[in-house]
Structures are given as structure tokens and as C-alpha cells.
Amino acid sequence: MSFETKEQVLETILSQSKPKCPYCSTVMSLWDVPDIALGDGLGWGTPYLYICFNDDCSLYKSGWSSIMENFAHRASYRCMNYPGTEQFECIPVFSPDGAKGQIIDDEVLAAEERLKEATKRGFSILADCYVSKDWVEMLKLLVDAAEPNRVRLKAAQMIGDFGDIEVIETLQSSRFGNLKLTEAVQESIQKIHNRFFTRECPFCAEVIKKRATVCKHCGKDVAGV
């Protein structure tokens, strides 16, 4: 099982279109989920949500009277959305400014700009690597968790075409924390094996010739294995 960091989740969200509130068609604002859940105490299951902060939204306007009539509390609802889905739900607010402290649109714009610049720089480096067949520099970008996911994914795909056998151990020993990236790395490892007619010993994991019958490293019989 792979786990995405909060930064990786944000990067994915930034690559998607913002949803519109189904009650008022207003583009919803990205919201940083607080550490303490506002719902049932079980958490939201995501570090970010989209929320409609339009005070003229029909859900928000009618929510005040609805909650007062049914629960005798001064509160209302705002529409929320789970990023990347069509799942819209209601989140309670207890004042017109409720939950607005977690709006991060301004921060997101700045983060998005930084992400674009880092991605542009990374792809420029990879373009140079492609021309020079510099798999060492590709590897540096691939294993650097600070690089944008798109750059690391492209590096993972490219290294299979240019990487030498010696890069396999580093790739196998690294943990990428991202399923798509891990799959791309495994595909590239297989590409390298195919180019050099090699495989990994099932007993000691050292690289051996594909047609080998005995592992030169551990001496085990690998014929037919």
C-alpha cells in the first residue's frame, strides 16, 4: 500500500478543475481541513475539501431557518465537495465567517506557480538528459522527493531507456510512496533487464544473465526459476 504526502495530494488537486456549487454554480474555494474534525470525529479522509463560501447560495441562505426550526440552533450549511469527485455534502457553519480561516486559495495560487516553475525546470533538465543519455541526472530527479511528481514520473519512464544495469539496485532499494511512480520504476527496471538480457536471482536478488542456470553470486540453481 502506498501513501501520498499532503503535498502530493495538493499537487494532484491543482491539476484538476475546480468544482462548482450545485446550489448556486459558484466556483468553490479550496479549504484546508483542520486537524480537529468538524463532523463525526472520524475525520474527512482527505487533507483538503472544496467549500462554497457564497453568502447568496440557496443552501446557505435557507440553512439558517432550517436548522433553527429543526434543532433550535443558530447555524447554517455550506456545500462541500471531495476533490476529484462528484460527491457533494453539507458542512455546518455557526457564523457568516465560520470556516473561512481555512480558505487557502491565495496560498494555493502561490504554490501552483512554484509548482509550475519547478516542473518546467525539471522537464528542461530531462530534455537535456535525453539528448546526452545522462541517466545519472535522471536518477537524481527520480529519487528526489522535493521534485514535482510529474517530473519524477517522467524520469522513471525515461530511465528504462537509458539506465545501466548498475542503476537497478538503487531503484529496487528506493521507496517512492506513490503507486503510479512505483509502477513506472518497475516497468523501467524490466526494460533495462530486457536491453541487457539480464534478470535478478530469485534467491539473492543480484543481477545475472537471463540464460544463466547457476547464479554466479550465491551459487544457487536458477534454471527454470
C-alpha atoms as a PDB file:
ATOM      1  CA  MET A   1       0.000   0.000   0.000  1.00  0.00           C
ATOM      2  CA  SER A   2       1.370   3.457  -0.876  1.00  0.00           C
ATOM      3  CA  PHE A   3       0.636   6.679   0.943  1.00  0.00           C
ATOM      4  CA  GLU A   4       0.609  10.147  -0.569  1.00  0.00           C
ATOM      5  CA  THR A   5       2.001  13.103   1.341  1.00  0.00           C
ATOM      6  CA  LYS A   6      -0.141  16.194   1.808  1.00  0.00           C
ATOM      7  CA  GLU A   7       1.986  17.958  -0.809  1.00  0.00           C
ATOM      8  CA  GLN A   8       1.367  15.156  -3.319  1.00  0.00           C
ATOM      9  CA  VAL A   9      -2.380  15.340  -2.685  1.00  0.00           C
ATOM     10  CA  LEU A  10      -2.280  19.113  -3.239  1.00  0.00           C
ATOM     11  CA  GLU A  11      -0.305  18.649  -6.460  1.00  0.00           C
ATOM     12  CA  THR A  12      -2.973  16.269  -7.762  1.00  0.00           C
ATOM     13  CA  ILE A  13      -5.792  18.644  -6.807  1.00  0.00           C
ATOM     14  CA  LEU A  14      -4.087  21.573  -8.524  1.00  0.00           C
ATOM     15  CA  SER A  15      -4.031  19.622 -11.773  1.00  0.00           C
ATOM     16  CA  GLN A  16      -7.829  19.273 -11.690  1.00  0.00           C
ATOM     17  CA  SER A  17     -10.616  21.750 -12.448  1.00  0.00           C
ATOM     18  CA  LYS A  18     -12.348  23.421  -9.524  1.00  0.00           C
ATOM     19  CA  PRO A  19     -15.920  22.216  -8.926  1.00  0.00           C
ATOM     20  CA  LYS A  20     -18.974  24.481  -8.976  1.00  0.00           C
ATOM     21  CA  CYS A  21     -21.548  24.520  -6.206  1.00  0.00           C
ATOM     22  CA  PRO A  22     -24.657  22.587  -7.371  1.00  0.00           C
ATOM     23  CA  TYR A  23     -26.881  25.077  -5.492  1.00  0.00           C
ATOM     24  CA  CYS A  24     -25.577  28.357  -6.902  1.00  0.00           C
ATOM     25  CA  SER A  25     -22.991  27.464  -9.609  1.00  0.00           C
ATOM     26  CA  THR A  26     -20.277  29.438  -7.804  1.00  0.00           C
ATOM     27  CA  VAL A  27     -16.721  28.135  -8.224  1.00  0.00           C
ATOM     28  CA  MET A  28     -15.875  26.564  -4.880  1.00  0.00           C
ATOM     29  CA  SER A  29     -12.883  27.502  -2.706  1.00  0.00           C
ATOM     30  CA  LEU A  30     -10.182  25.058  -1.678  1.00  0.00           C
ATOM     31  CA  TRP A  31     -10.251  24.524   2.074  1.00  0.00           C
ATOM     32  CA  ASP A  32      -7.525  23.205   4.358  1.00  0.00           C
ATOM     33  CA  VAL A  33      -9.153  20.605   6.620  1.00  0.00           C
ATOM     34  CA  PRO A  34      -8.421  21.378  10.288  1.00  0.00           C
ATOM     35  CA  ASP A  35      -6.680  18.799  12.454  1.00  0.00           C
ATOM     36  CA  ILE A  36      -9.805  18.513  14.621  1.00  0.00           C
ATOM     37  CA  ALA A  37     -12.710  17.160  12.565  1.00  0.00           C
ATOM     38  CA  LEU A  38     -15.860  19.261  12.475  1.00  0.00           C
ATOM     39  CA  GLY A  39     -18.078  16.315  11.626  1.00  0.00           C
ATOM     40  CA  ASP A  40     -18.478  12.959  13.371  1.00  0.00           C
ATOM     41  CA  GLY A  41     -14.973  12.958  14.816  1.00  0.00           C
ATOM     42  CA  LEU A  42     -13.726  10.329  12.384  1.00  0.00           C
ATOM     43  CA  GLY A  43     -12.038  12.829  10.092  1.00  0.00           C
ATOM     44  CA  TRP A  44     -12.748  13.719   6.491  1.00  0.00           C
ATOM     45  CA  GLY A  45     -10.377  11.226   4.880  1.00  0.00           C
ATOM     46  CA  THR A  46      -8.646  13.997   2.903  1.00  0.00           C
ATOM     47  CA  PRO A  47      -6.451  16.983   3.863  1.00  0.00           C
ATOM     48  CA  TYR A  48      -8.388  19.288   1.506  1.00  0.00           C
ATOM     49  CA  LEU A  49     -12.026  19.951   0.635  1.00  0.00           C
ATOM     50  CA  TYR A  50     -13.798  22.386  -1.632  1.00  0.00           C
ATOM     51  CA  ILE A  51     -16.426  24.608   0.017  1.00  0.00           C
ATOM     52  CA  CYS A  52     -18.861  27.150  -1.397  1.00  0.00           C
ATOM     53  CA  PHE A  53     -18.485  30.431   0.509  1.00  0.00           C
ATOM     54  CA  ASN A  54     -21.096  32.333  -1.499  1.00  0.00           C
ATOM     55  CA  ASP A  55     -23.378  34.012   1.063  1.00  0.00           C
ATOM     56  CA  ASP A  56     -26.139  34.182  -1.560  1.00  0.00           C
ATOM     57  CA  CYS A  57     -26.072  30.404  -2.086  1.00  0.00           C
ATOM     58  CA  SER A  58     -29.575  28.967  -1.654  1.00  0.00           C
ATOM     59  CA  LEU A  59     -28.310  26.180   0.620  1.00  0.00           C
ATOM     60  CA  TYR A  60     -26.573  28.651   2.913  1.00  0.00           C
ATOM     61  CA  LYS A  61     -29.460  31.147   2.966  1.00  0.00           C
ATOM     62  CA  SER A  62     -32.142  28.573   3.735  1.00  0.00           C
ATOM     63  CA  GLY A  63     -29.953  26.697   6.185  1.00  0.00           C
ATOM     64  CA  TRP A  64     -30.299  29.299   8.939  1.00  0.00           C
ATOM     65  CA  SER A  65     -34.064  28.923   9.249  1.00  0.00           C
ATOM     66  CA  SER A  66     -33.976  25.167   8.637  1.00  0.00           C
ATOM     67  CA  ILE A  67     -31.536  24.446  11.467  1.00  0.00           C
ATOM     68  CA  MET A  68     -33.312  26.865  13.819  1.00  0.00           C
ATOM     69  CA  GLU A  69     -36.674  25.206  13.168  1.00  0.00           C
ATOM     70  CA  ASN A  70     -35.408  21.658  13.447  1.00  0.00           C
ATOM     71  CA  PHE A  71     -32.634  21.904  16.031  1.00  0.00           C
ATOM     72  CA  ALA A  72     -33.114  25.294  17.733  1.00  0.00           C
ATOM     73  CA  HIS A  73     -29.524  26.298  16.956  1.00  0.00           C
ATOM     74  CA  ARG A  74     -28.221  29.344  15.149  1.00  0.00           C
ATOM     75  CA  ALA A  75     -26.262  27.735  12.333  1.00  0.00           C
ATOM     76  CA  SER A  76     -26.416  27.027   8.628  1.00  0.00           C
ATOM     77  CA  TYR A  77     -24.886  24.808   5.966  1.00  0.00           C
ATOM     78  CA  ARG A  78     -22.336  25.336   3.245  1.00  0.00           C
ATOM     79  CA  CYS A  79     -21.896  22.968   0.336  1.00  0.00           C
ATOM     80  CA  MET A  80     -18.674  20.976   0.318  1.00  0.00           C
ATOM     81  CA  ASN A  81     -17.055  18.699  -2.238  1.00  0.00           C
ATOM     82  CA  TYR A  82     -14.434  15.971  -2.040  1.00  0.00           C
ATOM     83  CA  PRO A  83     -11.719  16.957  -4.585  1.00  0.00           C
ATOM     84  CA  GLY A  84     -11.685  14.911  -7.759  1.00  0.00           C
ATOM     85  CA  THR A  85     -15.187  13.512  -7.173  1.00  0.00           C
ATOM     86  CA  GLU A  86     -18.828  14.384  -7.796  1.00  0.00           C
ATOM     87  CA  GLN A  87     -19.548  13.888  -4.098  1.00  0.00           C
ATOM     88  CA  PHE A  88     -21.209  16.968  -2.607  1.00  0.00           C
ATOM     89  CA  GLU A  89     -22.251  17.159   1.040  1.00  0.00           C
ATOM     90  CA  CYS A  90     -23.156  19.783   3.658  1.00  0.00           C
ATOM     91  CA  ILE A  91     -20.854  21.164   6.323  1.00  0.00           C
ATOM     92  CA  PRO A  92     -22.323  23.126   9.285  1.00  0.00           C
ATOM     93  CA  VAL A  93     -21.172  26.687   9.996  1.00  0.00           C
ATOM     94  CA  PHE A  94     -22.117  28.755  13.019  1.00  0.00           C
ATOM     95  CA  SER A  95     -21.469  32.264  11.722  1.00  0.00           C
ATOM     96  CA  PRO A  96     -21.033  34.017   8.357  1.00  0.00           C
ATOM     97  CA  ASP A  97     -17.253  33.804   8.883  1.00  0.00           C
ATOM     98  CA  GLY A  98     -17.315  30.190  10.015  1.00  0.00           C
ATOM     99  CA  ALA A  99     -14.578  28.030   8.390  1.00  0.00           C
ATOM    100  CA  LYS A 100     -13.239  30.946   6.336  1.00  0.00           C
ATOM    101  CA  GLY A 101      -9.975  30.811   8.235  1.00  0.00           C
ATOM    102  CA  GLN A 102      -9.021  27.654   6.378  1.00  0.00           C
ATOM    103  CA  ILE A 103      -9.505  29.054   2.855  1.00  0.00           C
ATOM    104  CA  ILE A 104      -6.177  28.624   1.113  1.00  0.00           C
ATOM    105  CA  ASP A 105      -6.844  29.888  -2.384  1.00  0.00           C
ATOM    106  CA  ASP A 106      -4.192  32.630  -2.160  1.00  0.00           C
ATOM    107  CA  GLU A 107      -1.643  30.165  -0.850  1.00  0.00           C
ATOM    108  CA  VAL A 108      -2.636  27.660  -3.496  1.00  0.00           C
ATOM    109  CA  LEU A 109      -2.065  30.174  -6.276  1.00  0.00           C
ATOM    110  CA  ALA A 110       1.439  30.820  -4.981  1.00  0.00           C
ATOM    111  CA  ALA A 111       2.070  27.099  -4.554  1.00  0.00           C
ATOM    112  CA  GLU A 112       0.733  26.430  -8.025  1.00  0.00           C
ATOM    113  CA  GLU A 113       3.118  28.990  -9.503  1.00  0.00           C
ATOM    114  CA  ARG A 114       6.061  27.451  -7.658  1.00  0.00           C
ATOM    115  CA  LEU A 115       4.977  24.014  -8.837  1.00  0.00           C
ATOM    116  CA  LYS A 116       4.775  25.184 -12.452  1.00  0.00           C
ATOM    117  CA  GLU A 117       8.263  26.678 -12.286  1.00  0.00           C
ATOM    118  CA  ALA A 118       9.726  23.569 -10.655  1.00  0.00           C
ATOM    119  CA  THR A 119       8.035  21.345 -13.233  1.00  0.00           C
ATOM    120  CA  LYS A 120       9.274  23.496 -16.100  1.00  0.00           C
ATOM    121  CA  ARG A 121      12.830  23.387 -14.740  1.00  0.00           C
ATOM    122  CA  GLY A 122      12.650  19.625 -14.187  1.00  0.00           C
ATOM    123  CA  PHE A 123      11.416  18.890 -17.704  1.00  0.00           C
ATOM    124  CA  SER A 124      14.143  21.132 -19.128  1.00  0.00           C
ATOM    125  CA  ILE A 125      16.769  19.096 -17.281  1.00  0.00           C
ATOM    126  CA  LEU A 126      15.204  15.858 -18.514  1.00  0.00           C
ATOM    127  CA  ALA A 127      15.249  17.136 -22.093  1.00  0.00           C
ATOM    128  CA  ASP A 128      18.996  17.703 -21.775  1.00  0.00           C
ATOM    129  CA  CYS A 129      19.360  14.253 -20.198  1.00  0.00           C
ATOM    130  CA  TYR A 130      17.551  12.697 -23.146  1.00  0.00           C
ATOM    131  CA  VAL A 131      19.981  14.263 -25.618  1.00  0.00           C
ATOM    132  CA  SER A 132      23.068  13.316 -23.611  1.00  0.00           C
ATOM    133  CA  LYS A 133      21.637   9.974 -22.408  1.00  0.00           C
ATOM    134  CA  ASP A 134      22.560  11.056 -18.880  1.00  0.00           C
ATOM    135  CA  TRP A 135      20.751   8.509 -16.725  1.00  0.00           C
ATOM    136  CA  VAL A 136      22.673   9.596 -13.621  1.00  0.00           C
ATOM    137  CA  GLU A 137      20.959  13.001 -13.659  1.00  0.00           C
ATOM    138  CA  MET A 138      17.627  11.291 -14.381  1.00  0.00           C
ATOM    139  CA  LEU A 139      18.154   9.162 -11.288  1.00  0.00           C
ATOM    140  CA  LYS A 140      18.831  12.246  -9.161  1.00  0.00           C
ATOM    141  CA  LEU A 141      15.498  13.774 -10.206  1.00  0.00           C
ATOM    142  CA  LEU A 142      13.681  10.489  -9.719  1.00  0.00           C
ATOM    143  CA  VAL A 143      14.778   9.867  -6.124  1.00  0.00           C
ATOM    144  CA  ASP A 144      14.424  13.500  -5.019  1.00  0.00           C
ATOM    145  CA  ALA A 145      11.099  13.703  -3.132  1.00  0.00           C
ATOM    146  CA  ALA A 146      11.199  17.507  -3.424  1.00  0.00           C
ATOM    147  CA  GLU A 147      10.795  17.331  -7.202  1.00  0.00           C
ATOM    148  CA  PRO A 148       7.253  17.568  -8.669  1.00  0.00           C
ATOM    149  CA  ASN A 149       5.569  14.205  -9.209  1.00  0.00           C
ATOM    150  CA  ARG A 150       5.222  14.802 -12.955  1.00  0.00           C
ATOM    151  CA  VAL A 151       8.979  15.311 -13.259  1.00  0.00           C
ATOM    152  CA  ARG A 152       9.765  12.214 -11.191  1.00  0.00           C
ATOM    153  CA  LEU A 153       7.291  10.127 -13.190  1.00  0.00           C
ATOM    154  CA  LYS A 154       8.861  11.221 -16.480  1.00  0.00           C
ATOM    155  CA  ALA A 155      12.325  10.457 -15.108  1.00  0.00           C
ATOM    156  CA  ALA A 156      11.108   6.998 -14.070  1.00  0.00           C
ATOM    157  CA  GLN A 157       9.831   6.330 -17.570  1.00  0.00           C
ATOM    158  CA  MET A 158      12.966   7.636 -19.291  1.00  0.00           C
ATOM    159  CA  ILE A 159      15.500   5.819 -17.161  1.00  0.00           C
ATOM    160  CA  GLY A 160      14.326   2.489 -18.544  1.00  0.00           C
ATOM    161  CA  ASP A 161      15.572   3.532 -21.989  1.00  0.00           C
ATOM    162  CA  PHE A 162      18.972   4.813 -20.869  1.00  0.00           C
ATOM    163  CA  GLY A 163      19.767   3.343 -17.448  1.00  0.00           C
ATOM    164  CA  ASP A 164      22.631   0.916 -16.976  1.00  0.00           C
ATOM    165  CA  ILE A 165      22.442  -2.339 -15.016  1.00  0.00           C
ATOM    166  CA  GLU A 166      24.073  -0.683 -12.019  1.00  0.00           C
ATOM    167  CA  VAL A 167      21.060   1.587 -11.528  1.00  0.00           C
ATOM    168  CA  ILE A 168      18.765  -1.372 -10.806  1.00  0.00           C
ATOM    169  CA  GLU A 169      19.896  -1.819  -7.202  1.00  0.00           C
ATOM    170  CA  THR A 170      19.266   1.850  -6.403  1.00  0.00           C
ATOM    171  CA  LEU A 171      15.809   1.702  -7.973  1.00  0.00           C
ATOM    172  CA  GLN A 172      14.888  -1.505  -6.146  1.00  0.00           C
ATOM    173  CA  SER A 173      16.114  -0.138  -2.818  1.00  0.00           C
ATOM    174  CA  SER A 174      14.273   3.193  -3.071  1.00  0.00           C
ATOM    175  CA  ARG A 175      10.792   3.821  -1.686  1.00  0.00           C
ATOM    176  CA  PHE A 176       8.728   6.269  -3.698  1.00  0.00           C
ATOM    177  CA  GLY A 177       5.485   6.450  -1.663  1.00  0.00           C
ATOM    178  CA  ASN A 178       3.400   6.737  -4.807  1.00  0.00           C
ATOM    179  CA  LEU A 179       1.789   3.798  -6.592  1.00  0.00           C
ATOM    180  CA  LYS A 180       1.994   5.264 -10.098  1.00  0.00           C
ATOM    181  CA  LEU A 181       5.651   6.176  -9.631  1.00  0.00           C
ATOM    182  CA  THR A 182       6.482   2.766  -8.175  1.00  0.00           C
ATOM    183  CA  GLU A 183       4.822   1.024 -11.127  1.00  0.00           C
ATOM    184  CA  ALA A 184       6.735   3.189 -13.621  1.00  0.00           C
ATOM    185  CA  VAL A 185      10.016   2.345 -11.877  1.00  0.00           C
ATOM    186  CA  GLN A 186       9.274  -1.390 -12.018  1.00  0.00           C
ATOM    187  CA  GLU A 187       8.464  -1.134 -15.728  1.00  0.00           C
ATOM    188  CA  SER A 188      11.765   0.649 -16.335  1.00  0.00           C
ATOM    189  CA  ILE A 189      13.686  -1.974 -14.379  1.00  0.00           C
ATOM    190  CA  GLN A 190      12.196  -4.612 -16.659  1.00  0.00           C
ATOM    191  CA  LYS A 191      13.155  -2.514 -19.706  1.00  0.00           C
ATOM    192  CA  ILE A 192      16.769  -2.401 -18.502  1.00  0.00           C
ATOM    193  CA  HIS A 193      16.792  -6.164 -17.974  1.00  0.00           C
ATOM    194  CA  ASN A 194      15.380  -6.667 -21.467  1.00  0.00           C
ATOM    195  CA  ARG A 195      18.033  -4.430 -23.023  1.00  0.00           C
ATOM    196  CA  PHE A 196      20.885  -6.253 -21.307  1.00  0.00           C
ATOM    197  CA  PHE A 197      19.348  -9.754 -21.376  1.00  0.00           C
ATOM    198  CA  THR A 198      19.520  -9.994 -17.595  1.00  0.00           C
ATOM    199  CA  ARG A 199      17.284 -10.795 -14.647  1.00  0.00           C
ATOM    200  CA  GLU A 200      17.523 -10.866 -10.864  1.00  0.00           C
ATOM    201  CA  CYS A 201      18.408 -14.009  -8.987  1.00  0.00           C
ATOM    202  CA  PRO A 202      15.299 -15.151  -7.068  1.00  0.00           C
ATOM    203  CA  PHE A 203      17.500 -16.167  -4.130  1.00  0.00           C
ATOM    204  CA  CYS A 204      19.990 -13.339  -3.649  1.00  0.00           C
ATOM    205  CA  ALA A 205      18.465 -10.618  -5.881  1.00  0.00           C
ATOM    206  CA  GLU A 206      21.775  -9.996  -7.664  1.00  0.00           C
ATOM    207  CA  VAL A 207      21.688  -9.327 -11.411  1.00  0.00           C
ATOM    208  CA  ILE A 208      22.516 -12.337 -13.545  1.00  0.00           C
ATOM    209  CA  LYS A 209      22.296 -13.268 -17.235  1.00  0.00           C
ATOM    210  CA  LYS A 210      18.781 -14.255 -18.337  1.00  0.00           C
ATOM    211  CA  ARG A 211      20.041 -17.627 -19.660  1.00  0.00           C
ATOM    212  CA  ALA A 212      22.108 -18.407 -16.548  1.00  0.00           C
ATOM    213  CA  THR A 213      21.439 -21.790 -14.923  1.00  0.00           C
ATOM    214  CA  VAL A 214      23.525 -21.152 -11.803  1.00  0.00           C
ATOM    215  CA  CYS A 215      23.749 -17.789 -10.010  1.00  0.00           C
ATOM    216  CA  LYS A 216      27.343 -16.564 -10.093  1.00  0.00           C
ATOM    217  CA  HIS A 217      26.773 -14.689  -6.822  1.00  0.00           C
ATOM    218  CA  CYS A 218      25.121 -17.215  -4.494  1.00  0.00           C
ATOM    219  CA  GLY A 219      25.703 -20.448  -6.425  1.00  0.00           C
ATOM    220  CA  LYS A 220      22.046 -21.481  -6.359  1.00  0.00           C
ATOM    221  CA  ASP A 221      20.469 -23.396  -9.243  1.00  0.00           C
ATOM    222  CA  VAL A 222      18.302 -20.882 -11.141  1.00  0.00           C
ATOM    223  CA  ALA A 223      17.489 -22.983 -14.192  1.00  0.00           C
ATOM    224  CA  GLY A 224      13.784 -22.702 -14.908  1.00  0.00           C
ATOM    225  CA  VAL A 225      13.260 -20.395 -11.917  1.00  0.00           C
END
